[in-house]
Each structure stands twice: as C-alpha cells, then as structure tokens.
Amino acid sequence: MAKAGKKGREDVFLECSECKNRNYRTSKSTRDATKKLAFKKYCEFCRKHTEHKEKKK
C-alpha cells in the first residue's frame, strides 16, 4: 500500500531575526500548529547562532 504523502503539511521558511535572510526550509502540520515556529539556529551570513522565525513562502 502506498504512503499517504504529505497531506496536512505546509512548507515554511525560517528567517534570521537579525539579517532577515531565509536560511532554512521545513514543514509543519496544518492541523496542530497554532503558533509560529522559532528556533535558535546558525546563520552563515551573521556567523553566529540567532533566532530564526517562521515566514511563509
């Protein structure tokens, strides 16, 4: 039986809060997600760990 695929998932970009570059892409559930994603990740443009927040396409 084939897999269901990515139904109910939405692609989002993670944008650096300091330099505003979109460095990462991920997906999140459309049913369960009520808040925007925010992670502390490495930004190669700033050359340090900064908070990356969710932005739509």
PDB file of N, CA and C in Angstrom:
ATOM      1  N   MET A   1       0.845  -1.176   0.000  1.00  0.00           N
ATOM      2  CA  MET A   1       0.000   0.000   0.000  1.00  0.00           C
ATOM      3  C   MET A   1       0.890   1.239   0.000  1.00  0.00           C
ATOM      4  N   ALA A   2       0.540   2.230  -0.779  1.00  0.00           N
ATOM      5  CA  ALA A   2       1.332   3.451  -0.915  1.00  0.00           C
ATOM      6  C   ALA A   2       1.160   4.345   0.313  1.00  0.00           C
ATOM      7  N   LYS A   3       2.184   5.141   0.555  1.00  0.00           N
ATOM      8  CA  LYS A   3       2.115   6.084   1.666  1.00  0.00           C
ATOM      9  C   LYS A   3       1.163   7.219   1.328  1.00  0.00           C
ATOM     10  N   ALA A   4       0.644   7.853   2.353  1.00  0.00           N
ATOM     11  CA  ALA A   4      -0.335   8.918   2.160  1.00  0.00           C
ATOM     12  C   ALA A   4       0.294  10.198   1.632  1.00  0.00           C
ATOM     13  N   GLY A   5       1.589  10.371   1.764  1.00  0.00           N
ATOM     14  CA  GLY A   5       2.239  11.593   1.301  1.00  0.00           C
ATOM     15  C   GLY A   5       2.286  12.626   2.403  1.00  0.00           C
ATOM     16  N   LYS A   6       2.331  13.874   2.023  1.00  0.00           N
ATOM     17  CA  LYS A   6       2.439  14.952   2.994  1.00  0.00           C
ATOM     18  C   LYS A   6       1.143  15.744   3.091  1.00  0.00           C
ATOM     19  N   LYS A   7       0.037  15.048   3.198  1.00  0.00           N
ATOM     20  CA  LYS A   7      -1.232  15.740   3.375  1.00  0.00           C
ATOM     21  C   LYS A   7      -1.266  16.356   4.763  1.00  0.00           C
ATOM     22  N   GLY A   8      -1.768  17.560   4.849  1.00  0.00           N
ATOM     23  CA  GLY A   8      -1.850  18.223   6.144  1.00  0.00           C
ATOM     24  C   GLY A   8      -0.543  18.857   6.569  1.00  0.00           C
ATOM     25  N   ARG A   9       0.435  18.952   5.665  1.00  0.00           N
ATOM     26  CA  ARG A   9       1.715  19.583   5.973  1.00  0.00           C
ATOM     27  C   ARG A   9       1.858  20.831   5.123  1.00  0.00           C
ATOM     28  N   GLU A  10       2.577  21.792   5.645  1.00  0.00           N
ATOM     29  CA  GLU A  10       2.757  23.058   4.970  1.00  0.00           C
ATOM     30  C   GLU A  10       4.239  23.419   5.000  1.00  0.00           C
ATOM     31  N   ASP A  11       4.801  23.820   3.856  1.00  0.00           N
ATOM     32  CA  ASP A  11       6.200  24.224   3.799  1.00  0.00           C
ATOM     33  C   ASP A  11       6.336  25.658   4.294  1.00  0.00           C
ATOM     34  N   VAL A  12       7.327  25.878   5.159  1.00  0.00           N
ATOM     35  CA  VAL A  12       7.606  27.210   5.683  1.00  0.00           C
ATOM     36  C   VAL A  12       9.107  27.449   5.644  1.00  0.00           C
ATOM     37  N   PHE A  13       9.499  28.710   5.605  1.00  0.00           N
ATOM     38  CA  PHE A  13      10.899  29.084   5.661  1.00  0.00           C
ATOM     39  C   PHE A  13      11.213  29.648   7.038  1.00  0.00           C
ATOM     40  N   LEU A  14      12.465  29.456   7.476  1.00  0.00           N
ATOM     41  CA  LEU A  14      12.917  30.051   8.726  1.00  0.00           C
ATOM     42  C   LEU A  14      13.830  31.219   8.380  1.00  0.00           C
ATOM     43  N   GLU A  15      13.485  32.392   8.881  1.00  0.00           N
ATOM     44  CA  GLU A  15      14.190  33.625   8.558  1.00  0.00           C
ATOM     45  C   GLU A  15      14.957  34.118   9.772  1.00  0.00           C
ATOM     46  N   CYS A  16      16.197  34.532   9.554  1.00  0.00           N
ATOM     47  CA  CYS A  16      17.033  35.064  10.627  1.00  0.00           C
ATOM     48  C   CYS A  16      16.418  36.361  11.142  1.00  0.00           C
ATOM     49  N   SER A  17      16.366  36.512  12.450  1.00  0.00           N
ATOM     50  CA  SER A  17      15.746  37.708  13.024  1.00  0.00           C
ATOM     51  C   SER A  17      16.657  38.928  12.929  1.00  0.00           C
ATOM     52  N   GLU A  18      17.951  38.734  12.684  1.00  0.00           N
ATOM     53  CA  GLU A  18      18.873  39.873  12.601  1.00  0.00           C
ATOM     54  C   GLU A  18      19.096  40.347  11.172  1.00  0.00           C
ATOM     55  N   CYS A  19      19.468  39.447  10.263  1.00  0.00           N
ATOM     56  CA  CYS A  19      19.800  39.868   8.897  1.00  0.00           C
ATOM     57  C   CYS A  19      18.667  39.617   7.903  1.00  0.00           C
ATOM     58  N   LYS A  20      17.591  38.969   8.321  1.00  0.00           N
ATOM     59  CA  LYS A  20      16.392  38.709   7.504  1.00  0.00           C
ATOM     60  C   LYS A  20      16.634  37.791   6.314  1.00  0.00           C
ATOM     61  N   ASN A  21      17.700  37.000   6.313  1.00  0.00           N
ATOM     62  CA  ASN A  21      17.913  36.009   5.260  1.00  0.00           C
ATOM     63  C   ASN A  21      17.155  34.741   5.607  1.00  0.00           C
ATOM     64  N   ARG A  22      16.595  34.110   4.591  1.00  0.00           N
ATOM     65  CA  ARG A  22      15.866  32.858   4.786  1.00  0.00           C
ATOM     66  C   ARG A  22      16.845  31.714   4.565  1.00  0.00           C
ATOM     67  N   ASN A  23      17.296  31.108   5.652  1.00  0.00           N
ATOM     68  CA  ASN A  23      18.370  30.127   5.606  1.00  0.00           C
ATOM     69  C   ASN A  23      17.884  28.684   5.619  1.00  0.00           C
ATOM     70  N   TYR A  24      16.734  28.420   6.177  1.00  0.00           N
ATOM     71  CA  TYR A  24      16.266  27.050   6.356  1.00  0.00           C
ATOM     72  C   TYR A  24      14.837  26.909   5.834  1.00  0.00           C
ATOM     73  N   ARG A  25      14.510  25.679   5.395  1.00  0.00           N
ATOM     74  CA  ARG A  25      13.151  25.352   4.973  1.00  0.00           C
ATOM     75  C   ARG A  25      12.720  24.110   5.744  1.00  0.00           C
ATOM     76  N   THR A  26      11.493  24.102   6.199  1.00  0.00           N
ATOM     77  CA  THR A  26      10.964  22.965   6.940  1.00  0.00           C
ATOM     78  C   THR A  26       9.462  22.870   6.661  1.00  0.00           C
ATOM     79  N   SER A  27       8.828  21.890   7.238  1.00  0.00           N
ATOM     80  CA  SER A  27       7.380  21.760   7.090  1.00  0.00           C
ATOM     81  C   SER A  27       6.769  21.609   8.466  1.00  0.00           C
ATOM     82  N   LYS A  28       5.496  21.987   8.562  1.00  0.00           N
ATOM     83  CA  LYS A  28       4.796  21.838   9.836  1.00  0.00           C
ATOM     84  C   LYS A  28       3.379  21.388   9.568  1.00  0.00           C
ATOM     85  N   SER A  29       2.764  20.828  10.567  1.00  0.00           N
ATOM     86  CA  SER A  29       1.408  20.328  10.459  1.00  0.00           C
ATOM     87  C   SER A  29       0.430  21.489  10.421  1.00  0.00           C
ATOM     88  N   THR A  30      -0.542  21.412   9.547  1.00  0.00           N
ATOM     89  CA  THR A  30      -1.542  22.470   9.471  1.00  0.00           C
ATOM     90  C   THR A  30      -2.636  22.281  10.515  1.00  0.00           C
ATOM     91  N   ARG A  31      -2.820  21.068  10.976  1.00  0.00           N
ATOM     92  CA  ARG A  31      -3.866  20.804  11.966  1.00  0.00           C
ATOM     93  C   ARG A  31      -3.434  21.196  13.374  1.00  0.00           C
ATOM     94  N   ASP A  32      -2.190  20.849  13.757  1.00  0.00           N
ATOM     95  CA  ASP A  32      -1.763  21.010  15.139  1.00  0.00           C
ATOM     96  C   ASP A  32      -1.087  22.340  15.422  1.00  0.00           C
ATOM     97  N   ALA A  33      -0.603  23.009  14.403  1.00  0.00           N
ATOM     98  CA  ALA A  33       0.194  24.218  14.606  1.00  0.00           C
ATOM     99  C   ALA A  33      -0.698  25.425  14.870  1.00  0.00           C
ATOM    100  N   THR A  34      -0.539  26.010  16.037  1.00  0.00           N
ATOM    101  CA  THR A  34      -1.271  27.229  16.358  1.00  0.00           C
ATOM    102  C   THR A  34      -0.323  28.416  16.478  1.00  0.00           C
ATOM    103  N   LYS A  35       0.934  28.141  16.854  1.00  0.00           N
ATOM    104  CA  LYS A  35       1.927  29.198  17.000  1.00  0.00           C
ATOM    105  C   LYS A  35       2.930  29.113  15.856  1.00  0.00           C
ATOM    106  N   LYS A  36       3.636  30.213  15.627  1.00  0.00           N
ATOM    107  CA  LYS A  36       4.689  30.213  14.617  1.00  0.00           C
ATOM    108  C   LYS A  36       5.923  29.545  15.198  1.00  0.00           C
ATOM    109  N   LEU A  37       6.666  28.867  14.327  1.00  0.00           N
ATOM    110  CA  LEU A  37       7.882  28.194  14.758  1.00  0.00           C
ATOM    111  C   LEU A  37       8.984  29.206  15.007  1.00  0.00           C
ATOM    112  N   ALA A  38       9.831  28.928  15.988  1.00  0.00           N
ATOM    113  CA  ALA A  38      11.002  29.757  16.266  1.00  0.00           C
ATOM    114  C   ALA A  38      12.082  28.850  16.839  1.00  0.00           C
ATOM    115  N   PHE A  39      13.245  28.858  16.196  1.00  0.00           N
ATOM    116  CA  PHE A  39      14.371  28.041  16.637  1.00  0.00           C
ATOM    117  C   PHE A  39      15.619  28.903  16.710  1.00  0.00           C
ATOM    118  N   LYS A  40      16.550  28.510  17.551  1.00  0.00           N
ATOM    119  CA  LYS A  40      17.846  29.163  17.589  1.00  0.00           C
ATOM    120  C   LYS A  40      18.777  28.319  16.734  1.00  0.00           C
ATOM    121  N   LYS A  41      19.155  28.854  15.555  1.00  0.00           N
ATOM    122  CA  LYS A  41      19.961  28.121  14.591  1.00  0.00           C
ATOM    123  C   LYS A  41      21.133  28.982  14.138  1.00  0.00           C
ATOM    124  N   TYR A  42      22.084  28.347  13.459  1.00  0.00           N
ATOM    125  CA  TYR A  42      23.264  29.044  12.981  1.00  0.00           C
ATOM    126  C   TYR A  42      22.953  29.776  11.677  1.00  0.00           C
ATOM    127  N   CYS A  43      23.323  31.049  11.613  1.00  0.00           N
ATOM    128  CA  CYS A  43      23.179  31.847  10.402  1.00  0.00           C
ATOM    129  C   CYS A  43      24.567  32.050   9.812  1.00  0.00           C
ATOM    130  N   GLU A  44      24.772  31.567   8.586  1.00  0.00           N
ATOM    131  CA  GLU A  44      26.098  31.673   7.972  1.00  0.00           C
ATOM    132  C   GLU A  44      26.409  33.094   7.515  1.00  0.00           C
ATOM    133  N   PHE A  45      25.397  33.943   7.383  1.00  0.00           N
ATOM    134  CA  PHE A  45      25.627  35.330   6.991  1.00  0.00           C
ATOM    135  C   PHE A  45      26.044  36.175   8.191  1.00  0.00           C
ATOM    136  N   CYS A  46      25.416  35.939   9.341  1.00  0.00           N
ATOM    137  CA  CYS A  46      25.785  36.636  10.581  1.00  0.00           C
ATOM    138  C   CYS A  46      26.984  35.976  11.260  1.00  0.00           C
ATOM    139  N   ARG A  47      27.226  34.704  10.923  1.00  0.00           N
ATOM    140  CA  ARG A  47      28.284  33.877  11.511  1.00  0.00           C
ATOM    141  C   ARG A  47      28.124  33.692  13.019  1.00  0.00           C
ATOM    142  N   LYS A  48      26.862  33.487  13.430  1.00  0.00           N
ATOM    143  CA  LYS A  48      26.586  33.194  14.835  1.00  0.00           C
ATOM    144  C   LYS A  48      25.206  32.563  14.948  1.00  0.00           C
ATOM    145  N   HIS A  49      24.894  32.065  16.117  1.00  0.00           N
ATOM    146  CA  HIS A  49      23.588  31.478  16.365  1.00  0.00           C
ATOM    147  C   HIS A  49      22.600  32.602  16.676  1.00  0.00           C
ATOM    148  N   THR A  50      21.517  32.628  15.913  1.00  0.00           N
ATOM    149  CA  THR A  50      20.474  33.637  16.111  1.00  0.00           C
ATOM    150  C   THR A  50      19.124  32.943  16.078  1.00  0.00           C
ATOM    151  N   GLU A  51      18.109  33.658  16.482  1.00  0.00           N
ATOM    152  CA  GLU A  51      16.765  33.097  16.439  1.00  0.00           C
ATOM    153  C   GLU A  51      16.227  33.197  15.017  1.00  0.00           C
ATOM    154  N   HIS A  52      15.686  32.096  14.543  1.00  0.00           N
ATOM    155  CA  HIS A  52      15.078  32.021  13.215  1.00  0.00           C
ATOM    156  C   HIS A  52      13.587  31.805  13.406  1.00  0.00           C
ATOM    157  N   LYS A  53      12.792  32.665  12.795  1.00  0.00           N
ATOM    158  CA  LYS A  53      11.334  32.597  12.939  1.00  0.00           C
ATOM    159  C   LYS A  53      10.703  32.187  11.620  1.00  0.00           C
ATOM    160  N   GLU A  54       9.530  31.633  11.735  1.00  0.00           N
ATOM    161  CA  GLU A  54       8.797  31.130  10.571  1.00  0.00           C
ATOM    162  C   GLU A  54       8.280  32.263   9.696  1.00  0.00           C
ATOM    163  N   LYS A  55       8.469  32.103   8.399  1.00  0.00           N
ATOM    164  CA  LYS A  55       7.901  33.003   7.395  1.00  0.00           C
ATOM    165  C   LYS A  55       7.289  32.137   6.305  1.00  0.00           C
ATOM    166  N   LYS A  56       6.181  32.574   5.760  1.00  0.00           N
ATOM    167  CA  LYS A  56       5.545  31.839   4.669  1.00  0.00           C
ATOM    168  C   LYS A  56       6.316  32.070   3.387  1.00  0.00           C
ATOM    169  N   LYS A  57       5.996  31.325   2.356  1.00  0.00           N
ATOM    170  CA  LYS A  57       6.655  31.483   1.060  1.00  0.00           C
ATOM    171  C   LYS A  57       6.431  32.820   0.516  1.00  0.00           C
TER     172      LYS A  57
END
